């Protein structure tokens, strides 16, 4: 089992707004990875379109995705998207 941890603030920014950036990030994860830990340390904002695309990419990923250090505001945005989309 191959696992990596991605610090979103380092890889993208503390302001997660562009859905293209998360799509690119997911597409650049190597094929031999079985688990990705998405670390939200330092994230100050996440837009709705980013959250939607993040969850879309997570849902179709060929590897397990686990979130850690998720700020309350980010979790609330995920909850809104999941509720609107019937838990994807």
Protein backbone atom coordinates (compact mmCIF):
# COMPACT_ATOMS: atom_id res chain seq x y z
CA UNK A 1 0.00 0.00 0.00
CA UNK A 2 1.38 3.34 -1.05
CA UNK A 3 0.22 6.46 0.77
CA UNK A 4 0.96 10.16 0.33
CA UNK A 5 -0.05 13.26 2.26
CA UNK A 6 -0.89 16.44 0.39
CA UNK A 7 -0.84 19.79 2.16
CA UNK A 8 -3.40 21.80 0.21
CA UNK A 9 -2.09 25.16 1.43
CA UNK A 10 1.35 24.30 0.02
CA UNK A 11 0.11 22.69 -3.21
CA UNK A 12 -2.63 25.20 -4.02
CA UNK A 13 -3.12 28.13 -1.58
CA UNK A 14 -4.77 29.00 1.74
CA UNK A 15 -7.71 30.25 -0.36
CA UNK A 16 -9.25 27.34 -2.25
CA UNK A 17 -11.30 28.95 -4.96
CA UNK A 18 -10.50 27.51 -8.39
CA UNK A 19 -12.04 24.18 -9.27
CA UNK A 20 -9.36 23.70 -11.98
CA UNK A 21 -6.63 23.53 -9.35
CA UNK A 22 -8.13 20.58 -7.51
CA UNK A 23 -8.82 18.78 -10.78
CA UNK A 24 -5.15 19.23 -11.77
CA UNK A 25 -4.01 18.08 -8.34
CA UNK A 26 -6.03 14.86 -8.50
CA UNK A 27 -4.86 14.16 -12.07
CA UNK A 28 -1.21 14.47 -11.02
CA UNK A 29 -1.43 11.84 -8.27
CA UNK A 30 0.58 8.79 -9.39
CA UNK A 31 -1.31 5.64 -10.40
CA UNK A 32 0.42 3.44 -7.81
CA UNK A 33 -0.97 5.41 -4.86
CA UNK A 34 -3.65 3.61 -2.84
CA UNK A 35 -4.34 6.28 -0.20
CA UNK A 36 -4.12 10.08 -0.19
CA UNK A 37 -4.31 12.12 3.00
CA UNK A 38 -5.54 15.62 2.18
CA UNK A 39 -4.26 17.94 4.89
CA UNK A 40 -6.28 21.14 5.26
CA UNK A 41 -3.91 22.80 7.77
CA UNK A 42 -3.72 26.55 7.04
CA UNK A 43 -6.77 26.67 4.77
CA UNK A 44 -8.68 29.90 5.36
CA UNK A 45 -11.39 29.70 2.68
CA UNK A 46 -12.92 27.19 0.30
CA UNK A 47 -15.37 28.25 -2.38
CA UNK A 48 -18.45 26.29 -3.34
CA UNK A 49 -17.19 25.42 -6.83
CA UNK A 50 -13.90 24.14 -5.37
CA UNK A 51 -15.77 22.05 -2.80
CA UNK A 52 -18.03 20.60 -5.50
CA UNK A 53 -15.11 19.66 -7.73
CA UNK A 54 -13.11 18.31 -4.79
CA UNK A 55 -15.94 15.95 -3.89
CA UNK A 56 -16.47 14.98 -7.54
CA UNK A 57 -12.80 14.11 -7.92
CA UNK A 58 -12.76 12.25 -4.60
CA UNK A 59 -15.81 10.24 -5.64
CA UNK A 60 -14.24 9.05 -8.90
CA UNK A 61 -10.68 8.58 -7.59
CA UNK A 62 -9.13 5.13 -7.86
CA UNK A 63 -7.58 5.55 -4.40
CA UNK A 64 -8.86 6.21 -0.89
CA UNK A 65 -9.00 9.89 0.12
CA UNK A 66 -8.97 10.94 3.77
CA UNK A 67 -9.20 14.53 5.02
CA UNK A 68 -7.34 15.73 8.13
CA UNK A 69 -7.22 19.08 9.95
CA UNK A 70 -10.39 20.30 8.23
CA UNK A 71 -11.51 23.73 9.53
CA UNK A 72 -15.16 24.00 10.59
CA UNK A 73 -15.99 26.40 7.72
CA UNK A 74 -14.59 23.95 5.17
CA UNK A 75 -16.49 21.03 6.68
CA UNK A 76 -19.68 23.10 6.59
CA UNK A 77 -19.15 23.77 2.88
CA UNK A 78 -18.63 20.04 2.24
CA UNK A 79 -21.83 19.31 4.18
CA UNK A 80 -23.81 21.83 2.09
CA UNK A 81 -22.56 20.30 -1.18
CA UNK A 82 -23.24 16.75 0.02
CA UNK A 83 -26.75 17.69 1.12
CA UNK A 84 -27.53 19.45 -2.17
CA UNK A 85 -26.21 16.53 -4.22
CA UNK A 86 -27.63 13.68 -2.20
CA UNK A 87 -24.25 12.67 -0.74
CA UNK A 88 -22.79 12.27 -4.25
